[in-house]
Amino acid sequence: MEHYLGKKTVTLALVAIVLSSVSIEVSQAQGICNVSGEGLMSCKPSVTPPNPSAPTAQCCSALAKADMGCLCAYKNSQWLPSLGIDPKLAMQLPEKCKLPNAPHC
């Protein structure tokens, strides 16, 4: 039993390290769906519960350049919650930013 718990602890630690590195890479890399890492990070306070803030001008500007169809593909992804992002709040951003042609994912 101790051997099993040890493996489980190591596995959980590795998962945490991978998720941390993914978060760092997203914030420093090219981003996703035509949104830069910097743009994604500017939107994070608006999609993080329990008290999300209104999207900033920088966030809305980043979303204006986004591939909305690509972003819709993340709607049901388990990746977003693992980074502390509420997918429902994320899907509300285009409307909150008053973007034309906001997607209806």
PDB file of N, CA and C in Angstrom:
ATOM      1  N   MET A   1       0.830  -1.191   0.000  1.00  0.00           N
ATOM      2  CA  MET A   1       0.000   0.000   0.000  1.00  0.00           C
ATOM      3  C   MET A   1       0.870   1.249   0.000  1.00  0.00           C
ATOM      4  N   GLU A   2       1.960   1.267   0.786  1.00  0.00           N
ATOM      5  CA  GLU A   2       2.835   2.437   0.817  1.00  0.00           C
ATOM      6  C   GLU A   2       3.463   2.669  -0.548  1.00  0.00           C
ATOM      7  N   HIS A   3       3.830   1.605  -1.237  1.00  0.00           N
ATOM      8  CA  HIS A   3       4.437   1.722  -2.566  1.00  0.00           C
ATOM      9  C   HIS A   3       3.448   2.369  -3.532  1.00  0.00           C
ATOM     10  N   TYR A   4       2.183   1.984  -3.466  1.00  0.00           N
ATOM     11  CA  TYR A   4       1.133   2.545  -4.320  1.00  0.00           C
ATOM     12  C   TYR A   4       0.952   4.030  -4.029  1.00  0.00           C
ATOM     13  N   LEU A   5       0.885   4.406  -2.744  1.00  0.00           N
ATOM     14  CA  LEU A   5       0.713   5.814  -2.380  1.00  0.00           C
ATOM     15  C   LEU A   5       1.912   6.636  -2.815  1.00  0.00           C
ATOM     16  N   GLY A   6       3.097   6.051  -2.719  1.00  0.00           N
ATOM     17  CA  GLY A   6       4.293   6.759  -3.160  1.00  0.00           C
ATOM     18  C   GLY A   6       4.247   7.057  -4.646  1.00  0.00           C
ATOM     19  N   LYS A   7       3.828   6.069  -5.446  1.00  0.00           N
ATOM     20  CA  LYS A   7       3.706   6.273  -6.891  1.00  0.00           C
ATOM     21  C   LYS A   7       2.641   7.323  -7.201  1.00  0.00           C
ATOM     22  N   LYS A   8       1.554   7.261  -6.468  1.00  0.00           N
ATOM     23  CA  LYS A   8       0.464   8.211  -6.690  1.00  0.00           C
ATOM     24  C   LYS A   8       0.928   9.631  -6.368  1.00  0.00           C
ATOM     25  N   THR A   9       1.668   9.811  -5.295  1.00  0.00           N
ATOM     26  CA  THR A   9       2.182  11.121  -4.909  1.00  0.00           C
ATOM     27  C   THR A   9       3.143  11.648  -5.969  1.00  0.00           C
ATOM     28  N   VAL A  10       4.023  10.783  -6.451  1.00  0.00           N
ATOM     29  CA  VAL A  10       4.975  11.183  -7.494  1.00  0.00           C
ATOM     30  C   VAL A  10       4.221  11.575  -8.763  1.00  0.00           C
ATOM     31  N   THR A  11       3.215  10.791  -9.122  1.00  0.00           N
ATOM     32  CA  THR A  11       2.428  11.091 -10.316  1.00  0.00           C
ATOM     33  C   THR A  11       1.726  12.442 -10.175  1.00  0.00           C
ATOM     34  N   LEU A  12       1.109  12.710  -9.036  1.00  0.00           N
ATOM     35  CA  LEU A  12       0.440  13.990  -8.817  1.00  0.00           C
ATOM     36  C   LEU A  12       1.432  15.145  -8.866  1.00  0.00           C
ATOM     37  N   ALA A  13       2.615  14.949  -8.316  1.00  0.00           N
ATOM     38  CA  ALA A  13       3.640  15.991  -8.356  1.00  0.00           C
ATOM     39  C   ALA A  13       4.059  16.276  -9.789  1.00  0.00           C
ATOM     40  N   LEU A  14       4.215  15.230 -10.600  1.00  0.00           N
ATOM     41  CA  LEU A  14       4.580  15.418 -12.002  1.00  0.00           C
ATOM     42  C   LEU A  14       3.487  16.161 -12.766  1.00  0.00           C
ATOM     43  N   VAL A  15       2.242  15.818 -12.501  1.00  0.00           N
ATOM     44  CA  VAL A  15       1.124  16.503 -13.146  1.00  0.00           C
ATOM     45  C   VAL A  15       1.140  17.988 -12.773  1.00  0.00           C
ATOM     46  N   ALA A  16       1.364  18.295 -11.511  1.00  0.00           N
ATOM     47  CA  ALA A  16       1.430  19.688 -11.062  1.00  0.00           C
ATOM     48  C   ALA A  16       2.559  20.436 -11.755  1.00  0.00           C
ATOM     49  N   ILE A  17       3.703  19.796 -11.913  1.00  0.00           N
ATOM     50  CA  ILE A  17       4.843  20.427 -12.582  1.00  0.00           C
ATOM     51  C   ILE A  17       4.517  20.695 -14.047  1.00  0.00           C
ATOM     52  N   VAL A  18       3.908  19.722 -14.714  1.00  0.00           N
ATOM     53  CA  VAL A  18       3.546  19.892 -16.119  1.00  0.00           C
ATOM     54  C   VAL A  18       2.554  21.034 -16.279  1.00  0.00           C
ATOM     55  N   LEU A  19       1.528  21.077 -15.422  1.00  0.00           N
ATOM     56  CA  LEU A  19       0.535  22.150 -15.513  1.00  0.00           C
ATOM     57  C   LEU A  19       1.166  23.505 -15.253  1.00  0.00           C
ATOM     58  N   SER A  20       2.074  23.574 -14.304  1.00  0.00           N
ATOM     59  CA  SER A  20       2.764  24.831 -14.028  1.00  0.00           C
ATOM     60  C   SER A  20       3.571  25.272 -15.238  1.00  0.00           C
ATOM     61  N   SER A  21       4.256  24.345 -15.868  1.00  0.00           N
ATOM     62  CA  SER A  21       5.070  24.711 -17.028  1.00  0.00           C
ATOM     63  C   SER A  21       4.187  25.101 -18.201  1.00  0.00           C
ATOM     64  N   VAL A  22       3.026  24.460 -18.353  1.00  0.00           N
ATOM     65  CA  VAL A  22       2.102  24.840 -19.415  1.00  0.00           C
ATOM     66  C   VAL A  22       1.634  26.269 -19.181  1.00  0.00           C
ATOM     67  N   SER A  23       1.294  26.601 -17.952  1.00  0.00           N
ATOM     68  CA  SER A  23       0.844  27.953 -17.622  1.00  0.00           C
ATOM     69  C   SER A  23       1.933  28.974 -17.927  1.00  0.00           C
ATOM     70  N   ILE A  24       3.170  28.660 -17.575  1.00  0.00           N
ATOM     71  CA  ILE A  24       4.286  29.557 -17.848  1.00  0.00           C
ATOM     72  C   ILE A  24       4.497  29.687 -19.347  1.00  0.00           C
ATOM     73  N   GLU A  25       4.437  28.569 -20.073  1.00  0.00           N
ATOM     74  CA  GLU A  25       4.635  28.603 -21.519  1.00  0.00           C
ATOM     75  C   GLU A  25       3.558  29.427 -22.197  1.00  0.00           C
ATOM     76  N   VAL A  26       2.292  29.280 -21.766  1.00  0.00           N
ATOM     77  CA  VAL A  26       1.209  30.051 -22.369  1.00  0.00           C
ATOM     78  C   VAL A  26       1.438  31.533 -22.132  1.00  0.00           C
ATOM     79  N   SER A  27       1.892  31.900 -20.935  1.00  0.00           N
ATOM     80  CA  SER A  27       2.076  33.310 -20.641  1.00  0.00           C
ATOM     81  C   SER A  27       3.270  33.895 -21.379  1.00  0.00           C
ATOM     82  N   GLN A  28       4.242  33.070 -21.769  1.00  0.00           N
ATOM     83  CA  GLN A  28       5.437  33.575 -22.413  1.00  0.00           C
ATOM     84  C   GLN A  28       5.505  33.244 -23.896  1.00  0.00           C
ATOM     85  N   ALA A  29       4.696  32.333 -24.359  1.00  0.00           N
ATOM     86  CA  ALA A  29       4.798  31.857 -25.736  1.00  0.00           C
ATOM     87  C   ALA A  29       3.894  32.662 -26.660  1.00  0.00           C
ATOM     88  N   GLN A  30       3.676  32.093 -27.837  1.00  0.00           N
ATOM     89  CA  GLN A  30       2.890  32.763 -28.857  1.00  0.00           C
ATOM     90  C   GLN A  30       1.407  32.802 -28.520  1.00  0.00           C
ATOM     91  N   GLY A  31       0.953  32.037 -27.564  1.00  0.00           N
ATOM     92  CA  GLY A  31      -0.449  32.017 -27.195  1.00  0.00           C
ATOM     93  C   GLY A  31      -1.213  30.962 -27.966  1.00  0.00           C
ATOM     94  N   ILE A  32      -2.507  31.138 -28.025  1.00  0.00           N
ATOM     95  CA  ILE A  32      -3.367  30.203 -28.733  1.00  0.00           C
ATOM     96  C   ILE A  32      -4.421  30.975 -29.512  1.00  0.00           C
ATOM     97  N   CYS A  33      -4.863  30.406 -30.590  1.00  0.00           N
ATOM     98  CA  CYS A  33      -5.974  30.952 -31.381  1.00  0.00           C
ATOM     99  C   CYS A  33      -5.760  32.418 -31.770  1.00  0.00           C
ATOM    100  N   ASN A  34      -4.546  32.762 -32.119  1.00  0.00           N
ATOM    101  CA  ASN A  34      -4.174  34.130 -32.507  1.00  0.00           C
ATOM    102  C   ASN A  34      -4.232  35.127 -31.355  1.00  0.00           C
ATOM    103  N   VAL A  35      -4.247  34.647 -30.131  1.00  0.00           N
ATOM    104  CA  VAL A  35      -4.173  35.520 -28.960  1.00  0.00           C
ATOM    105  C   VAL A  35      -2.806  35.284 -28.337  1.00  0.00           C
ATOM    106  N   SER A  36      -2.057  36.348 -28.140  1.00  0.00           N
ATOM    107  CA  SER A  36      -0.715  36.212 -27.577  1.00  0.00           C
ATOM    108  C   SER A  36      -0.783  35.748 -26.131  1.00  0.00           C
ATOM    109  N   GLY A  37       0.317  35.243 -25.645  1.00  0.00           N
ATOM    110  CA  GLY A  37       0.396  34.870 -24.237  1.00  0.00           C
ATOM    111  C   GLY A  37       0.095  36.059 -23.344  1.00  0.00           C
ATOM    112  N   GLU A  38       0.608  37.218 -23.725  1.00  0.00           N
ATOM    113  CA  GLU A  38       0.346  38.443 -22.959  1.00  0.00           C
ATOM    114  C   GLU A  38      -1.144  38.790 -22.982  1.00  0.00           C
ATOM    115  N   GLY A  39      -1.766  38.623 -24.141  1.00  0.00           N
ATOM    116  CA  GLY A  39      -3.204  38.876 -24.258  1.00  0.00           C
ATOM    117  C   GLY A  39      -4.014  37.928 -23.402  1.00  0.00           C
ATOM    118  N   LEU A  40      -3.623  36.647 -23.402  1.00  0.00           N
ATOM    119  CA  LEU A  40      -4.312  35.669 -22.559  1.00  0.00           C
ATOM    120  C   LEU A  40      -4.202  36.036 -21.087  1.00  0.00           C
ATOM    121  N   MET A  41      -3.010  36.434 -20.677  1.00  0.00           N
ATOM    122  CA  MET A  41      -2.808  36.783 -19.271  1.00  0.00           C
ATOM    123  C   MET A  41      -3.582  38.047 -18.904  1.00  0.00           C
ATOM    124  N   SER A  42      -3.766  38.972 -19.844  1.00  0.00           N
ATOM    125  CA  SER A  42      -4.535  40.185 -19.549  1.00  0.00           C
ATOM    126  C   SER A  42      -6.016  39.859 -19.336  1.00  0.00           C
ATOM    127  N   CYS A  43      -6.469  38.738 -19.883  1.00  0.00           N
ATOM    128  CA  CYS A  43      -7.871  38.327 -19.727  1.00  0.00           C
ATOM    129  C   CYS A  43      -8.094  37.448 -18.498  1.00  0.00           C
ATOM    130  N   LYS A  44      -7.036  36.899 -17.946  1.00  0.00           N
ATOM    131  CA  LYS A  44      -7.203  35.923 -16.866  1.00  0.00           C
ATOM    132  C   LYS A  44      -8.002  36.454 -15.673  1.00  0.00           C
ATOM    133  N   PRO A  45      -7.803  37.707 -15.206  1.00  0.00           N
ATOM    134  CA  PRO A  45      -8.618  38.176 -14.069  1.00  0.00           C
ATOM    135  C   PRO A  45     -10.125  38.192 -14.367  1.00  0.00           C
ATOM    136  N   SER A  46     -10.471  38.255 -15.639  1.00  0.00           N
ATOM    137  CA  SER A  46     -11.886  38.294 -16.030  1.00  0.00           C
ATOM    138  C   SER A  46     -12.525  36.923 -16.121  1.00  0.00           C
ATOM    139  N   VAL A  47     -11.718  35.877 -16.043  1.00  0.00           N
ATOM    140  CA  VAL A  47     -12.249  34.521 -16.198  1.00  0.00           C
ATOM    141  C   VAL A  47     -11.889  33.630 -15.005  1.00  0.00           C
ATOM    142  N   THR A  48     -11.431  34.269 -13.934  1.00  0.00           N
ATOM    143  CA  THR A  48     -11.018  33.532 -12.746  1.00  0.00           C
ATOM    144  C   THR A  48     -12.022  33.762 -11.619  1.00  0.00           C
ATOM    145  N   PRO A  49     -12.720  32.700 -11.198  1.00  0.00           N
ATOM    146  CA  PRO A  49     -13.659  32.834 -10.081  1.00  0.00           C
ATOM    147  C   PRO A  49     -12.906  33.032  -8.767  1.00  0.00           C
ATOM    148  N   PRO A  50     -13.493  33.490  -7.716  1.00  0.00           N
ATOM    149  CA  PRO A  50     -14.930  33.705  -7.555  1.00  0.00           C
ATOM    150  C   PRO A  50     -15.371  35.128  -7.889  1.00  0.00           C
ATOM    151  N   ASN A  51     -14.442  36.066  -8.025  1.00  0.00           N
ATOM    152  CA  ASN A  51     -14.801  37.459  -8.290  1.00  0.00           C
ATOM    153  C   ASN A  51     -14.106  37.976  -9.540  1.00  0.00           C
ATOM    154  N   PRO A  52     -14.590  37.556 -10.706  1.00  0.00           N
ATOM    155  CA  PRO A  52     -13.932  38.008 -11.932  1.00  0.00           C
ATOM    156  C   PRO A  52     -14.123  39.504 -12.147  1.00  0.00           C
ATOM    157  N   SER A  53     -13.089  40.146 -12.676  1.00  0.00           N
ATOM    158  CA  SER A  53     -13.177  41.573 -12.973  1.00  0.00           C
ATOM    159  C   SER A  53     -13.706  41.757 -14.389  1.00  0.00           C
ATOM    160  N   ALA A  54     -14.073  42.987 -14.703  1.00  0.00           N
ATOM    161  CA  ALA A  54     -14.488  43.301 -16.066  1.00  0.00           C
ATOM    162  C   ALA A  54     -13.259  43.196 -16.965  1.00  0.00           C
ATOM    163  N   PRO A  55     -13.440  42.799 -18.220  1.00  0.00           N
ATOM    164  CA  PRO A  55     -12.281  42.696 -19.107  1.00  0.00           C
ATOM    165  C   PRO A  55     -11.655  44.069 -19.355  1.00  0.00           C
ATOM    166  N   THR A  56     -10.346  44.091 -19.404  1.00  0.00           N
ATOM    167  CA  THR A  56      -9.621  45.337 -19.657  1.00  0.00           C
ATOM    168  C   THR A  56      -9.604  45.633 -21.150  1.00  0.00           C
ATOM    169  N   ALA A  57      -9.201  46.851 -21.487  1.00  0.00           N
ATOM    170  CA  ALA A  57      -9.061  47.229 -22.897  1.00  0.00           C
ATOM    171  C   ALA A  57      -8.023  46.337 -23.572  1.00  0.00           C
ATOM    172  N   GLN A  58      -6.958  45.995 -22.854  1.00  0.00           N
ATOM    173  CA  GLN A  58      -5.909  45.128 -23.413  1.00  0.00           C
ATOM    174  C   GLN A  58      -6.480  43.739 -23.712  1.00  0.00           C
ATOM    175  N   CYS A  59      -7.286  43.215 -22.806  1.00  0.00           N
ATOM    176  CA  CYS A  59      -7.911  41.904 -23.015  1.00  0.00           C
ATOM    177  C   CYS A  59      -8.828  41.947 -24.237  1.00  0.00           C
ATOM    178  N   CYS A  60      -9.672  42.952 -24.313  1.00  0.00           N
ATOM    179  CA  CYS A  60     -10.617  43.050 -25.435  1.00  0.00           C
ATOM    180  C   CYS A  60      -9.891  43.236 -26.763  1.00  0.00           C
ATOM    181  N   SER A  61      -8.807  43.999 -26.748  1.00  0.00           N
ATOM    182  CA  SER A  61      -8.014  44.191 -27.953  1.00  0.00           C
ATOM    183  C   SER A  61      -7.414  42.862 -28.410  1.00  0.00           C
ATOM    184  N   ALA A  62      -6.930  42.066 -27.463  1.00  0.00           N
ATOM    185  CA  ALA A  62      -6.362  40.753 -27.788  1.00  0.00           C
ATOM    186  C   ALA A  62      -7.437  39.838 -28.365  1.00  0.00           C
ATOM    187  N   LEU A  63      -8.629  39.864 -27.779  1.00  0.00           N
ATOM    188  CA  LEU A  63      -9.720  39.008 -28.267  1.00  0.00           C
ATOM    189  C   LEU A  63     -10.222  39.441 -29.637  1.00  0.00           C
ATOM    190  N   ALA A  64     -10.107  40.717 -29.949  1.00  0.00           N
ATOM    191  CA  ALA A  64     -10.566  41.214 -31.247  1.00  0.00           C
ATOM    192  C   ALA A  64      -9.787  40.569 -32.391  1.00  0.00           C
ATOM    193  N   LYS A  65      -8.571  40.114 -32.116  1.00  0.00           N
ATOM    194  CA  LYS A  65      -7.726  39.492 -33.131  1.00  0.00           C
ATOM    195  C   LYS A  65      -7.813  37.962 -33.100  1.00  0.00           C
ATOM    196  N   ALA A  66      -8.598  37.439 -32.186  1.00  0.00           N
ATOM    197  CA  ALA A  66      -8.638  35.989 -31.961  1.00  0.00           C
ATOM    198  C   ALA A  66      -9.404  35.245 -33.042  1.00  0.00           C
ATOM    199  N   ASP A  67      -9.036  34.000 -33.210  1.00  0.00           N
ATOM    200  CA  ASP A  67      -9.779  33.061 -34.053  1.00  0.00           C
ATOM    201  C   ASP A  67     -10.872  32.483 -33.144  1.00  0.00           C
ATOM    202  N   MET A  68     -12.071  33.030 -33.261  1.00  0.00           N
ATOM    203  CA  MET A  68     -13.155  32.663 -32.345  1.00  0.00           C
ATOM    204  C   MET A  68     -13.555  31.195 -32.478  1.00  0.00           C
ATOM    205  N   GLY A  69     -13.518  30.661 -33.670  1.00  0.00           N
ATOM    206  CA  GLY A  69     -13.831  29.241 -33.847  1.00  0.00           C
ATOM    207  C   GLY A  69     -12.851  28.369 -33.085  1.00  0.00           C
ATOM    208  N   CYS A  70     -11.600  28.776 -33.114  1.00  0.00           N
ATOM    209  CA  CYS A  70     -10.561  28.054 -32.372  1.00  0.00           C
ATOM    210  C   CYS A  70     -10.826  28.151 -30.871  1.00  0.00           C
ATOM    211  N   LEU A  71     -11.159  29.347 -30.401  1.00  0.00           N
ATOM    212  CA  LEU A  71     -11.428  29.512 -28.967  1.00  0.00           C
ATOM    213  C   LEU A  71     -12.632  28.685 -28.531  1.00  0.00           C
ATOM    214  N   CYS A  72     -13.629  28.578 -29.390  1.00  0.00           N
ATOM    215  CA  CYS A  72     -14.808  27.773 -29.060  1.00  0.00           C
ATOM    216  C   CYS A  72     -14.437  26.312 -28.813  1.00  0.00           C
ATOM    217  N   ALA A  73     -13.389  25.857 -29.470  1.00  0.00           N
ATOM    218  CA  ALA A  73     -12.967  24.472 -29.298  1.00  0.00           C
ATOM    219  C   ALA A  73     -12.515  24.185 -27.868  1.00  0.00           C
ATOM    220  N   TYR A  74     -12.172  25.223 -27.114  1.00  0.00           N
ATOM    221  CA  TYR A  74     -11.730  25.056 -25.733  1.00  0.00           C
ATOM    222  C   TYR A  74     -12.880  25.104 -24.733  1.00  0.00           C
ATOM    223  N   LYS A  75     -14.085  25.316 -25.212  1.00  0.00           N
ATOM    224  CA  LYS A  75     -15.248  25.486 -24.330  1.00  0.00           C
ATOM    225  C   LYS A  75     -15.406  24.359 -23.315  1.00  0.00           C
ATOM    226  N   ASN A  76     -15.249  23.135 -23.746  1.00  0.00           N
ATOM    227  CA  ASN A  76     -15.435  21.988 -22.854  1.00  0.00           C
ATOM    228  C   ASN A  76     -14.123  21.334 -22.452  1.00  0.00           C
ATOM    229  N   SER A  77     -13.039  22.031 -22.652  1.00  0.00           N
ATOM    230  CA  SER A  77     -11.719  21.491 -22.343  1.00  0.00           C
ATOM    231  C   SER A  77     -11.481  21.437 -20.836  1.00  0.00           C
ATOM    232  N   GLN A  78     -10.849  20.381 -20.391  1.00  0.00           N
ATOM    233  CA  GLN A  78     -10.454  20.285 -18.975  1.00  0.00           C
ATOM    234  C   GLN A  78      -9.179  21.085 -18.720  1.00  0.00           C
ATOM    235  N   TRP A  79      -8.544  21.541 -19.776  1.00  0.00           N
ATOM    236  CA  TRP A  79      -7.313  22.305 -19.663  1.00  0.00           C
ATOM    237  C   TRP A  79      -7.572  23.654 -18.991  1.00  0.00           C
ATOM    238  N   LEU A  80      -8.670  24.334 -19.354  1.00  0.00           N
ATOM    239  CA  LEU A  80      -8.954  25.652 -18.781  1.00  0.00           C
ATOM    240  C   LEU A  80      -9.148  25.598 -17.269  1.00  0.00           C
ATOM    241  N   PRO A  81     -10.026  24.740 -16.758  1.00  0.00           N
ATOM    242  CA  PRO A  81     -10.185  24.688 -15.299  1.00  0.00           C
ATOM    243  C   PRO A  81      -8.889  24.332 -14.567  1.00  0.00           C
ATOM    244  N   SER A  82      -8.042  23.534 -15.201  1.00  0.00           N
ATOM    245  CA  SER A  82      -6.778  23.175 -14.546  1.00  0.00           C
ATOM    246  C   SER A  82      -5.867  24.390 -14.383  1.00  0.00           C
ATOM    247  N   LEU A  83      -6.124  25.435 -15.167  1.00  0.00           N
ATOM    248  CA  LEU A  83      -5.348  26.675 -15.055  1.00  0.00           C
ATOM    249  C   LEU A  83      -6.083  27.742 -14.252  1.00  0.00           C
ATOM    250  N   GLY A  84      -7.206  27.373 -13.639  1.00  0.00           N
ATOM    251  CA  GLY A  84      -7.964  28.314 -12.826  1.00  0.00           C
ATOM    252  C   GLY A  84      -8.914  29.178 -13.629  1.00  0.00           C
ATOM    253  N   ILE A  85      -9.210  28.765 -14.857  1.00  0.00           N
ATOM    254  CA  ILE A  85     -10.079  29.540 -15.743  1.00  0.00           C
ATOM    255  C   ILE A  85     -11.445  28.882 -15.814  1.00  0.00           C
ATOM    256  N   ASP A  86     -12.485  29.674 -15.625  1.00  0.00           N
ATOM    257  CA  ASP A  86     -13.854  29.181 -15.730  1.00  0.00           C
ATOM    258  C   ASP A  86     -14.278  29.300 -17.198  1.00  0.00           C
ATOM    259  N   PRO A  87     -14.499  28.169 -17.881  1.00  0.00           N
ATOM    260  CA  PRO A  87     -14.875  28.229 -19.303  1.00  0.00           C
ATOM    261  C   PRO A  87     -16.127  29.060 -19.570  1.00  0.00           C
ATOM    262  N   LYS A  88     -17.099  29.036 -18.662  1.00  0.00           N
ATOM    263  CA  LYS A  88     -18.321  29.829 -18.859  1.00  0.00           C
ATOM    264  C   LYS A  88     -18.003  31.317 -18.876  1.00  0.00           C
ATOM    265  N   LEU A  89     -17.135  31.744 -17.950  1.00  0.00           N
ATOM    266  CA  LEU A  89     -16.728  33.149 -17.933  1.00  0.00           C
ATOM    267  C   LEU A  89     -15.937  33.492 -19.191  1.00  0.00           C
ATOM    268  N   ALA A  90     -15.096  32.572 -19.642  1.00  0.00           N
ATOM    269  CA  ALA A  90     -14.294  32.808 -20.845  1.00  0.00           C
ATOM    270  C   ALA A  90     -15.194  32.999 -22.064  1.00  0.00           C
ATOM    271  N   MET A  91     -16.263  32.220 -22.164  1.00  0.00           N
ATOM    272  CA  MET A  91     -17.161  32.313 -23.309  1.00  0.00           C
ATOM    273  C   MET A  91     -17.976  33.612 -23.287  1.00  0.00           C
ATOM    274  N   GLN A  92     -18.048  34.285 -22.147  1.00  0.00           N
ATOM    275  CA  GLN A  92     -18.778  35.551 -22.031  1.00  0.00           C
ATOM    276  C   GLN A  92     -17.933  36.754 -22.446  1.00  0.00           C
ATOM    277  N   LEU A  93     -16.621  36.577 -22.539  1.00  0.00           N
ATOM    278  CA  LEU A  93     -15.735  37.711 -22.816  1.00  0.00           C
ATOM    279  C   LEU A  93     -16.032  38.435 -24.134  1.00  0.00           C
ATOM    280  N   PRO A  94     -16.228  37.744 -25.260  1.00  0.00           N
ATOM    281  CA  PRO A  94     -16.486  38.496 -26.498  1.00  0.00           C
ATOM    282  C   PRO A  94     -17.698  39.422 -26.379  1.00  0.00           C
ATOM    283  N   GLU A  95     -18.746  38.957 -25.735  1.00  0.00           N
ATOM    284  CA  GLU A  95     -19.930  39.793 -25.555  1.00  0.00           C
ATOM    285  C   GLU A  95     -19.638  40.954 -24.607  1.00  0.00           C
ATOM    286  N   LYS A  96     -18.928  40.676 -23.510  1.00  0.00           N
ATOM    287  CA  LYS A  96     -18.582  41.733 -22.562  1.00  0.00           C
ATOM    288  C   LYS A  96     -17.679  42.780 -23.200  1.00  0.00           C
ATOM    289  N   CYS A  97     -16.866  42.354 -24.162  1.00  0.00           N
ATOM    290  CA  CYS A  97     -15.980  43.279 -24.883  1.00  0.00           C
ATOM    291  C   CYS A  97     -16.706  43.965 -26.039  1.00  0.00           C
ATOM    292  N   LYS A  98     -17.974  43.596 -26.239  1.00  0.00           N
ATOM    293  CA  LYS A  98     -18.784  44.150 -27.324  1.00  0.00           C
ATOM    294  C   LYS A  98     -18.121  43.958 -28.692  1.00  0.00           C
ATOM    295  N   LEU A  99     -17.594  42.757 -28.890  1.00  0.00           N
ATOM    296  CA  LEU A  99     -16.953  42.435 -30.157  1.00  0.00           C
ATOM    297  C   LEU A  99     -18.010  42.109 -31.205  1.00  0.00           C
ATOM    298  N   PRO A 100     -17.839  42.644 -32.418  1.00  0.00           N
ATOM    299  CA  PRO A 100     -18.799  42.273 -33.476  1.00  0.00           C
ATOM    300  C   PRO A 100     -18.615  40.795 -33.818  1.00  0.00           C
ATOM    301  N   ASN A 101     -19.667  40.175 -34.196  1.00  0.00           N
ATOM    302  CA  ASN A 101     -19.625  38.757 -34.574  1.00  0.00           C
ATOM    303  C   ASN A 101     -19.129  37.863 -33.453  1.00  0.00           C
ATOM    304  N   ALA A 102     -19.538  38.166 -32.226  1.00  0.00           N
ATOM    305  CA  ALA A 102     -19.170  37.311 -31.093  1.00  0.00           C
ATOM    306  C   ALA A 102     -19.699  35.904 -31.358  1.00  0.00           C
ATOM    307  N   PRO A 103     -18.883  34.901 -31.092  1.00  0.00           N
ATOM    308  CA  PRO A 103     -19.299  33.523 -31.376  1.00  0.00           C
ATOM    309  C   PRO A 103     -20.391  33.056 -30.423  1.00  0.00           C
ATOM    310  N   HIS A 104     -21.180  32.165 -30.893  1.00  0.00           N
ATOM    311  CA  HIS A 104     -22.205  31.525 -30.067  1.00  0.00           C
ATOM    312  C   HIS A 104     -21.827  30.050 -29.988  1.00  0.00           C
ATOM    313  N   CYS A 105     -20.851  29.780 -29.163  1.00  0.00           N
ATOM    314  CA  CYS A 105     -20.303  28.412 -29.056  1.00  0.00           C
ATOM    315  C   CYS A 105     -21.279  27.489 -28.373  1.00  0.00           C
TER     316      CYS A 105
END
